[in-house]
PDB file of N, CA and C in Angstrom:
ATOM      1  N   MET A   1       0.855  -1.176   0.000  1.00  0.00           N
ATOM      2  CA  MET A   1       0.000   0.000   0.000  1.00  0.00           C
ATOM      3  C   MET A   1       0.901   1.238   0.000  1.00  0.00           C
ATOM      4  N   HIS A   2       0.585   2.200  -0.834  1.00  0.00           N
ATOM      5  CA  HIS A   2       1.366   3.431  -0.915  1.00  0.00           C
ATOM      6  C   HIS A   2       1.105   4.317   0.304  1.00  0.00           C
ATOM      7  N   THR A   3       1.987   5.271   0.528  1.00  0.00           N
ATOM      8  CA  THR A   3       1.928   6.129   1.714  1.00  0.00           C
ATOM      9  C   THR A   3       0.588   6.851   1.834  1.00  0.00           C
ATOM     10  N   VAL A   4       0.120   7.467   0.754  1.00  0.00           N
ATOM     11  CA  VAL A   4      -1.134   8.225   0.825  1.00  0.00           C
ATOM     12  C   VAL A   4      -2.305   7.284   1.098  1.00  0.00           C
ATOM     13  N   GLU A   5      -2.290   6.097   0.493  1.00  0.00           N
ATOM     14  CA  GLU A   5      -3.349   5.118   0.754  1.00  0.00           C
ATOM     15  C   GLU A   5      -3.311   4.661   2.210  1.00  0.00           C
ATOM     16  N   MET A   6      -2.111   4.443   2.729  1.00  0.00           N
ATOM     17  CA  MET A   6      -1.974   4.022   4.123  1.00  0.00           C
ATOM     18  C   MET A   6      -2.434   5.129   5.065  1.00  0.00           C
ATOM     19  N   LEU A   7      -2.114   6.384   4.728  1.00  0.00           N
ATOM     20  CA  LEU A   7      -2.566   7.518   5.532  1.00  0.00           C
ATOM     21  C   LEU A   7      -4.087   7.572   5.556  1.00  0.00           C
ATOM     22  N   GLU A   8      -4.719   7.429   4.398  1.00  0.00           N
ATOM     23  CA  GLU A   8      -6.180   7.440   4.332  1.00  0.00           C
ATOM     24  C   GLU A   8      -6.770   6.281   5.126  1.00  0.00           C
ATOM     25  N   CYS A   9      -6.142   5.110   5.023  1.00  0.00           N
ATOM     26  CA  CYS A   9      -6.585   3.936   5.772  1.00  0.00           C
ATOM     27  C   CYS A   9      -6.473   4.191   7.278  1.00  0.00           C
ATOM     28  N   ALA A  10      -5.351   4.754   7.712  1.00  0.00           N
ATOM     29  CA  ALA A  10      -5.126   5.043   9.132  1.00  0.00           C
ATOM     30  C   ALA A  10      -6.140   6.070   9.639  1.00  0.00           C
ATOM     31  N   LEU A  11      -6.436   7.079   8.835  1.00  0.00           N
ATOM     32  CA  LEU A  11      -7.412   8.095   9.242  1.00  0.00           C
ATOM     33  C   LEU A  11      -8.821   7.521   9.293  1.00  0.00           C
ATOM     34  N   ASP A  12      -9.175   6.658   8.329  1.00  0.00           N
ATOM     35  CA  ASP A  12     -10.485   5.987   8.360  1.00  0.00           C
ATOM     36  C   ASP A  12     -10.598   5.122   9.606  1.00  0.00           C
ATOM     37  N   PHE A  13      -9.518   4.399   9.913  1.00  0.00           N
ATOM     38  CA  PHE A  13      -9.494   3.556  11.098  1.00  0.00           C
ATOM     39  C   PHE A  13      -9.657   4.403  12.362  1.00  0.00           C
ATOM     40  N   ALA A  14      -8.929   5.510  12.441  1.00  0.00           N
ATOM     41  CA  ALA A  14      -9.024   6.395  13.607  1.00  0.00           C
ATOM     42  C   ALA A  14     -10.454   6.905  13.767  1.00  0.00           C
ATOM     43  N   ASN A  15     -11.070   7.272  12.666  1.00  0.00           N
ATOM     44  CA  ASN A  15     -12.454   7.740  12.706  1.00  0.00           C
ATOM     45  C   ASN A  15     -13.374   6.629  13.210  1.00  0.00           C
ATOM     46  N   HIS A  16     -13.164   5.425  12.702  1.00  0.00           N
ATOM     47  CA  HIS A  16     -13.956   4.267  13.132  1.00  0.00           C
ATOM     48  C   HIS A  16     -13.728   3.964  14.622  1.00  0.00           C
ATOM     49  N   ALA A  17     -12.522   4.255  15.106  1.00  0.00           N
ATOM     50  CA  ALA A  17     -12.179   4.024  16.512  1.00  0.00           C
ATOM     51  C   ALA A  17     -12.678   5.139  17.427  1.00  0.00           C
ATOM     52  N   GLY A  18     -13.405   6.114  16.863  1.00  0.00           N
ATOM     53  CA  GLY A  18     -14.021   7.145  17.687  1.00  0.00           C
ATOM     54  C   GLY A  18     -13.331   8.495  17.691  1.00  0.00           C
ATOM     55  N   TYR A  19     -12.325   8.659  16.845  1.00  0.00           N
ATOM     56  CA  TYR A  19     -11.613   9.941  16.781  1.00  0.00           C
ATOM     57  C   TYR A  19     -12.296  10.891  15.808  1.00  0.00           C
ATOM     58  N   GLY A  20     -12.375  12.151  16.201  1.00  0.00           N
ATOM     59  CA  GLY A  20     -12.679  13.210  15.263  1.00  0.00           C
ATOM     60  C   GLY A  20     -11.355  13.569  14.598  1.00  0.00           C
ATOM     61  N   ILE A  21     -11.378  13.873  13.324  1.00  0.00           N
ATOM     62  CA  ILE A  21     -10.155  14.181  12.582  1.00  0.00           C
ATOM     63  C   ILE A  21     -10.182  15.650  12.189  1.00  0.00           C
ATOM     64  N   ARG A  22      -9.099  16.361  12.513  1.00  0.00           N
ATOM     65  CA  ARG A  22      -8.963  17.762  12.115  1.00  0.00           C
ATOM     66  C   ARG A  22      -7.692  17.907  11.293  1.00  0.00           C
ATOM     67  N   HIS A  23      -7.819  18.446  10.104  1.00  0.00           N
ATOM     68  CA  HIS A  23      -6.673  18.760   9.254  1.00  0.00           C
ATOM     69  C   HIS A  23      -6.415  20.248   9.411  1.00  0.00           C
ATOM     70  N   GLU A  24      -5.293  20.587  10.026  1.00  0.00           N
ATOM     71  CA  GLU A  24      -4.981  21.980  10.341  1.00  0.00           C
ATOM     72  C   GLU A  24      -3.573  22.327   9.876  1.00  0.00           C
ATOM     73  N   TRP A  25      -3.372  23.583   9.561  1.00  0.00           N
ATOM     74  CA  TRP A  25      -2.040  24.085   9.243  1.00  0.00           C
ATOM     75  C   TRP A  25      -1.372  24.430  10.580  1.00  0.00           C
ATOM     76  N   LEU A  26      -0.504  23.539  11.060  1.00  0.00           N
ATOM     77  CA  LEU A  26       0.141  23.724  12.360  1.00  0.00           C
ATOM     78  C   LEU A  26       1.600  24.128  12.214  1.00  0.00           C
ATOM     79  N   ASP A  27       2.052  24.283  10.983  1.00  0.00           N
ATOM     80  CA  ASP A  27       3.404  24.742  10.676  1.00  0.00           C
ATOM     81  C   ASP A  27       4.491  23.929  11.384  1.00  0.00           C
ATOM     82  N   GLY A  28       4.283  22.609  11.432  1.00  0.00           N
ATOM     83  CA  GLY A  28       5.282  21.734  12.034  1.00  0.00           C
ATOM     84  C   GLY A  28       5.223  21.668  13.546  1.00  0.00           C
ATOM     85  N   ALA A  29       4.289  22.414  14.149  1.00  0.00           N
ATOM     86  CA  ALA A  29       4.147  22.371  15.612  1.00  0.00           C
ATOM     87  C   ALA A  29       3.541  21.031  16.004  1.00  0.00           C
ATOM     88  N   SER A  30       3.367  20.832  17.259  1.00  0.00           N
ATOM     89  CA  SER A  30       2.863  19.569  17.773  1.00  0.00           C
ATOM     90  C   SER A  30       1.516  19.206  17.155  1.00  0.00           C
ATOM     91  N   SER A  31       1.424  17.982  16.715  1.00  0.00           N
ATOM     92  CA  SER A  31       0.152  17.441  16.252  1.00  0.00           C
ATOM     93  C   SER A  31       0.015  16.060  16.862  1.00  0.00           C
ATOM     94  N   GLY A  32      -1.141  15.462  16.732  1.00  0.00           N
ATOM     95  CA  GLY A  32      -1.361  14.147  17.306  1.00  0.00           C
ATOM     96  C   GLY A  32      -2.732  14.057  17.916  1.00  0.00           C
ATOM     97  N   ARG A  33      -2.845  13.227  18.954  1.00  0.00           N
ATOM     98  CA  ARG A  33      -4.161  13.004  19.536  1.00  0.00           C
ATOM     99  C   ARG A  33      -4.334  13.772  20.845  1.00  0.00           C
ATOM    100  N   CYS A  34      -5.584  14.084  21.131  1.00  0.00           N
ATOM    101  CA  CYS A  34      -5.923  14.701  22.401  1.00  0.00           C
ATOM    102  C   CYS A  34      -7.392  14.414  22.678  1.00  0.00           C
ATOM    103  N   GLU A  35      -7.821  14.779  23.869  1.00  0.00           N
ATOM    104  CA  GLU A  35      -9.220  14.622  24.234  1.00  0.00           C
ATOM    105  C   GLU A  35      -9.747  15.974  24.683  1.00  0.00           C
ATOM    106  N   ILE A  36     -10.882  16.361  24.096  1.00  0.00           N
ATOM    107  CA  ILE A  36     -11.520  17.632  24.426  1.00  0.00           C
ATOM    108  C   ILE A  36     -12.975  17.338  24.778  1.00  0.00           C
ATOM    109  N   ALA A  37     -13.356  17.659  26.002  1.00  0.00           N
ATOM    110  CA  ALA A  37     -14.727  17.445  26.487  1.00  0.00           C
ATOM    111  C   ALA A  37     -15.200  16.010  26.250  1.00  0.00           C
ATOM    112  N   GLY A  38     -14.305  15.047  26.504  1.00  0.00           N
ATOM    113  CA  GLY A  38     -14.652  13.642  26.378  1.00  0.00           C
ATOM    114  C   GLY A  38     -14.593  13.088  24.965  1.00  0.00           C
ATOM    115  N   GLN A  39     -14.300  13.920  23.979  1.00  0.00           N
ATOM    116  CA  GLN A  39     -14.203  13.486  22.574  1.00  0.00           C
ATOM    117  C   GLN A  39     -12.732  13.342  22.202  1.00  0.00           C
ATOM    118  N   LYS A  40     -12.387  12.197  21.607  1.00  0.00           N
ATOM    119  CA  LYS A  40     -11.017  11.988  21.140  1.00  0.00           C
ATOM    120  C   LYS A  40     -10.838  12.694  19.799  1.00  0.00           C
ATOM    121  N   TRP A  41      -9.724  13.419  19.665  1.00  0.00           N
ATOM    122  CA  TRP A  41      -9.416  14.145  18.439  1.00  0.00           C
ATOM    123  C   TRP A  41      -8.021  13.784  17.959  1.00  0.00           C
ATOM    124  N   LEU A  42      -7.880  13.775  16.647  1.00  0.00           N
ATOM    125  CA  LEU A  42      -6.593  13.553  16.010  1.00  0.00           C
ATOM    126  C   LEU A  42      -6.340  14.734  15.088  1.00  0.00           C
ATOM    127  N   PHE A  43      -5.258  15.476  15.365  1.00  0.00           N
ATOM    128  CA  PHE A  43      -4.895  16.633  14.564  1.00  0.00           C
ATOM    129  C   PHE A  43      -3.803  16.233  13.580  1.00  0.00           C
ATOM    130  N   VAL A  44      -4.039  16.525  12.308  1.00  0.00           N
ATOM    131  CA  VAL A  44      -3.092  16.211  11.243  1.00  0.00           C
ATOM    132  C   VAL A  44      -2.558  17.539  10.708  1.00  0.00           C
ATOM    133  N   ASP A  45      -1.237  17.693  10.730  1.00  0.00           N
ATOM    134  CA  ASP A  45      -0.587  18.935  10.316  1.00  0.00           C
ATOM    135  C   ASP A  45      -0.423  18.964   8.800  1.00  0.00           C
ATOM    136  N   LEU A  46      -1.135  19.881   8.146  1.00  0.00           N
ATOM    137  CA  LEU A  46      -1.058  20.004   6.690  1.00  0.00           C
ATOM    138  C   LEU A  46       0.281  20.535   6.203  1.00  0.00           C
ATOM    139  N   ALA A  47       1.120  21.047   7.110  1.00  0.00           N
ATOM    140  CA  ALA A  47       2.439  21.544   6.735  1.00  0.00           C
ATOM    141  C   ALA A  47       3.424  20.397   6.497  1.00  0.00           C
ATOM    142  N   LEU A  48       3.052  19.187   6.895  1.00  0.00           N
ATOM    143  CA  LEU A  48       3.948  18.042   6.775  1.00  0.00           C
ATOM    144  C   LEU A  48       3.681  17.265   5.497  1.00  0.00           C
ATOM    145  N   SER A  49       4.679  16.506   5.064  1.00  0.00           N
ATOM    146  CA  SER A  49       4.526  15.637   3.894  1.00  0.00           C
ATOM    147  C   SER A  49       3.616  14.461   4.273  1.00  0.00           C
ATOM    148  N   PRO A  50       3.067  13.754   3.289  1.00  0.00           N
ATOM    149  CA  PRO A  50       2.217  12.602   3.600  1.00  0.00           C
ATOM    150  C   PRO A  50       2.914  11.553   4.479  1.00  0.00           C
ATOM    151  N   ILE A  51       4.181  11.286   4.245  1.00  0.00           N
ATOM    152  CA  ILE A  51       4.863  10.277   5.068  1.00  0.00           C
ATOM    153  C   ILE A  51       5.026  10.765   6.512  1.00  0.00           C
ATOM    154  N   GLU A  52       5.282  12.064   6.697  1.00  0.00           N
ATOM    155  CA  GLU A  52       5.374  12.621   8.052  1.00  0.00           C
ATOM    156  C   GLU A  52       4.007  12.602   8.737  1.00  0.00           C
ATOM    157  N   GLN A  53       2.966  12.915   7.974  1.00  0.00           N
ATOM    158  CA  GLN A  53       1.612  12.855   8.523  1.00  0.00           C
ATOM    159  C   GLN A  53       1.284  11.423   8.945  1.00  0.00           C
ATOM    160  N   LEU A  54       1.619  10.452   8.093  1.00  0.00           N
ATOM    161  CA  LEU A  54       1.372   9.054   8.414  1.00  0.00           C
ATOM    162  C   LEU A  54       2.117   8.654   9.679  1.00  0.00           C
ATOM    163  N   ASP A  55       3.379   9.034   9.779  1.00  0.00           N
ATOM    164  CA  ASP A  55       4.161   8.716  10.975  1.00  0.00           C
ATOM    165  C   ASP A  55       3.493   9.270  12.228  1.00  0.00           C
ATOM    166  N   GLN A  56       3.003  10.500  12.161  1.00  0.00           N
ATOM    167  CA  GLN A  56       2.375  11.108  13.333  1.00  0.00           C
ATOM    168  C   GLN A  56       1.041  10.452  13.672  1.00  0.00           C
ATOM    169  N   VAL A  57       0.272  10.095  12.642  1.00  0.00           N
ATOM    170  CA  VAL A  57      -1.006   9.423  12.889  1.00  0.00           C
ATOM    171  C   VAL A  57      -0.761   8.050  13.519  1.00  0.00           C
ATOM    172  N   LEU A  58       0.194   7.289  12.974  1.00  0.00           N
ATOM    173  CA  LEU A  58       0.502   5.973  13.531  1.00  0.00           C
ATOM    174  C   LEU A  58       1.016   6.090  14.963  1.00  0.00           C
ATOM    175  N   GLU A  59       1.873   7.067  15.220  1.00  0.00           N
ATOM    176  CA  GLU A  59       2.387   7.281  16.577  1.00  0.00           C
ATOM    177  C   GLU A  59       1.254   7.605  17.544  1.00  0.00           C
ATOM    178  N   ALA A  60       0.333   8.453  17.108  1.00  0.00           N
ATOM    179  CA  ALA A  60      -0.799   8.817  17.962  1.00  0.00           C
ATOM    180  C   ALA A  60      -1.676   7.602  18.249  1.00  0.00           C
ATOM    181  N   LEU A  61      -1.945   6.794  17.236  1.00  0.00           N
ATOM    182  CA  LEU A  61      -2.774   5.613  17.440  1.00  0.00           C
ATOM    183  C   LEU A  61      -2.080   4.588  18.324  1.00  0.00           C
ATOM    184  N   ARG A  62      -0.773   4.427  18.141  1.00  0.00           N
ATOM    185  CA  ARG A  62      -0.025   3.480  18.988  1.00  0.00           C
ATOM    186  C   ARG A  62      -0.085   3.882  20.461  1.00  0.00           C
ATOM    187  N   SER A  63      -0.188   5.177  20.738  1.00  0.00           N
ATOM    188  CA  SER A  63      -0.191   5.649  22.127  1.00  0.00           C
ATOM    189  C   SER A  63      -1.560   5.511  22.786  1.00  0.00           C
ATOM    190  N   ASP A  64      -2.561   5.092  22.033  1.00  0.00           N
ATOM    191  CA  ASP A  64      -3.902   4.887  22.582  1.00  0.00           C
ATOM    192  C   ASP A  64      -3.979   3.463  23.137  1.00  0.00           C
ATOM    193  N   PRO A  65      -4.115   3.305  24.450  1.00  0.00           N
ATOM    194  CA  PRO A  65      -4.111   1.966  25.031  1.00  0.00           C
ATOM    195  C   PRO A  65      -5.288   1.093  24.598  1.00  0.00           C
ATOM    196  N   ASP A  66      -6.354   1.689  24.079  1.00  0.00           N
ATOM    197  CA  ASP A  66      -7.542   0.937  23.693  1.00  0.00           C
ATOM    198  C   ASP A  66      -7.586   0.592  22.209  1.00  0.00           C
ATOM    199  N   ILE A  67      -6.584   0.993  21.455  1.00  0.00           N
ATOM    200  CA  ILE A  67      -6.652   0.867  19.996  1.00  0.00           C
ATOM    201  C   ILE A  67      -6.665  -0.590  19.532  1.00  0.00           C
ATOM    202  N   GLY A  68      -6.073  -1.490  20.303  1.00  0.00           N
ATOM    203  CA  GLY A  68      -6.050  -2.897  19.919  1.00  0.00           C
ATOM    204  C   GLY A  68      -7.417  -3.558  19.939  1.00  0.00           C
ATOM    205  N   ALA A  69      -8.391  -2.931  20.602  1.00  0.00           N
ATOM    206  CA  ALA A  69      -9.737  -3.494  20.694  1.00  0.00           C
ATOM    207  C   ALA A  69     -10.553  -3.251  19.425  1.00  0.00           C
ATOM    208  N   VAL A  70     -10.066  -2.384  18.541  1.00  0.00           N
ATOM    209  CA  VAL A  70     -10.784  -2.045  17.317  1.00  0.00           C
ATOM    210  C   VAL A  70     -10.139  -2.799  16.163  1.00  0.00           C
ATOM    211  N   LYS A  71     -10.942  -3.476  15.369  1.00  0.00           N
ATOM    212  CA  LYS A  71     -10.434  -4.266  14.242  1.00  0.00           C
ATOM    213  C   LYS A  71      -9.861  -3.350  13.171  1.00  0.00           C
ATOM    214  N   ALA A  72      -8.593  -3.591  12.835  1.00  0.00           N
ATOM    215  CA  ALA A  72      -7.910  -2.795  11.811  1.00  0.00           C
ATOM    216  C   ALA A  72      -7.568  -3.687  10.625  1.00  0.00           C
ATOM    217  N   PRO A  73      -7.469  -3.109   9.420  1.00  0.00           N
ATOM    218  CA  PRO A  73      -6.997  -3.886   8.281  1.00  0.00           C
ATOM    219  C   PRO A  73      -5.611  -4.472   8.582  1.00  0.00           C
ATOM    220  N   GLU A  74      -5.329  -5.629   8.002  1.00  0.00           N
ATOM    221  CA  GLU A  74      -4.099  -6.363   8.305  1.00  0.00           C
ATOM    222  C   GLU A  74      -2.832  -5.528   8.109  1.00  0.00           C
ATOM    223  N   GLU A  75      -2.741  -4.803   7.015  1.00  0.00           N
ATOM    224  CA  GLU A  75      -1.541  -3.999   6.768  1.00  0.00           C
ATOM    225  C   GLU A  75      -1.388  -2.887   7.801  1.00  0.00           C
ATOM    226  N   LEU A  76      -2.498  -2.317   8.219  1.00  0.00           N
ATOM    227  CA  LEU A  76      -2.456  -1.283   9.258  1.00  0.00           C
ATOM    228  C   LEU A  76      -2.086  -1.892  10.610  1.00  0.00           C
ATOM    229  N   GLN A  77      -2.572  -3.084  10.876  1.00  0.00           N
ATOM    230  CA  GLN A  77      -2.190  -3.776  12.111  1.00  0.00           C
ATOM    231  C   GLN A  77      -0.672  -3.937  12.177  1.00  0.00           C
ATOM    232  N   ARG A  78      -0.070  -4.343  11.056  1.00  0.00           N
ATOM    233  CA  ARG A  78       1.389  -4.497  11.023  1.00  0.00           C
ATOM    234  C   ARG A  78       2.075  -3.160  11.272  1.00  0.00           C
ATOM    235  N   ALA A  79       1.584  -2.097  10.641  1.00  0.00           N
ATOM    236  CA  ALA A  79       2.200  -0.770  10.804  1.00  0.00           C
ATOM    237  C   ALA A  79       2.076  -0.280  12.245  1.00  0.00           C
ATOM    238  N   LEU A  80       0.981  -0.648  12.905  1.00  0.00           N
ATOM    239  CA  LEU A  80       0.752  -0.232  14.290  1.00  0.00           C
ATOM    240  C   LEU A  80       1.414  -1.165  15.289  1.00  0.00           C
ATOM    241  N   GLY A  81       1.838  -2.334  14.827  1.00  0.00           N
ATOM    242  CA  GLY A  81       2.431  -3.311  15.736  1.00  0.00           C
ATOM    243  C   GLY A  81       1.396  -4.052  16.551  1.00  0.00           C
ATOM    244  N   ILE A  82       0.180  -4.154  16.009  1.00  0.00           N
ATOM    245  CA  ILE A  82      -0.905  -4.874  16.679  1.00  0.00           C
ATOM    246  C   ILE A  82      -0.874  -6.311  16.186  1.00  0.00           C
ATOM    247  N   ARG A  83      -0.886  -7.242  17.125  1.00  0.00           N
ATOM    248  CA  ARG A  83      -0.932  -8.653  16.745  1.00  0.00           C
ATOM    249  C   ARG A  83      -2.379  -9.043  16.485  1.00  0.00           C
ATOM    250  N   PRO A  84      -2.627  -9.709  15.352  1.00  0.00           N
ATOM    251  CA  PRO A  84      -4.002 -10.141  15.066  1.00  0.00           C
ATOM    252  C   PRO A  84      -4.479 -11.154  16.117  1.00  0.00           C
ATOM    253  N   ALA A  85      -5.751 -11.087  16.441  1.00  0.00           N
ATOM    254  CA  ALA A  85      -6.318 -12.034  17.409  1.00  0.00           C
ATOM    255  C   ALA A  85      -6.304 -13.426  16.810  1.00  0.00           C
ATOM    256  N   ALA A  86      -6.047 -14.420  17.646  1.00  0.00           N
ATOM    257  CA  ALA A  86      -5.995 -15.816  17.177  1.00  0.00           C
ATOM    258  C   ALA A  86      -7.369 -16.380  16.992  1.00  0.00           C
TER     259      ALA A  86
END
């Protein structure tokens, strides 16, 4: 899967996992996940290249302790380091 396809897959997965997605021009400043008023949000920095955006999205998802409970596509599971259920 190409980088942009993987990024779209990761963002779809994050949305399915309950994240609101915001694409913002953050000029390389901190981006990632946060919680606002009980809602999980994922901020994607439009100033970054697609591969940098993908790295940040994957890092944010990996830091969510509950992310393994949501079924992810196999290739995304590998990228996140999630072991498929037996």
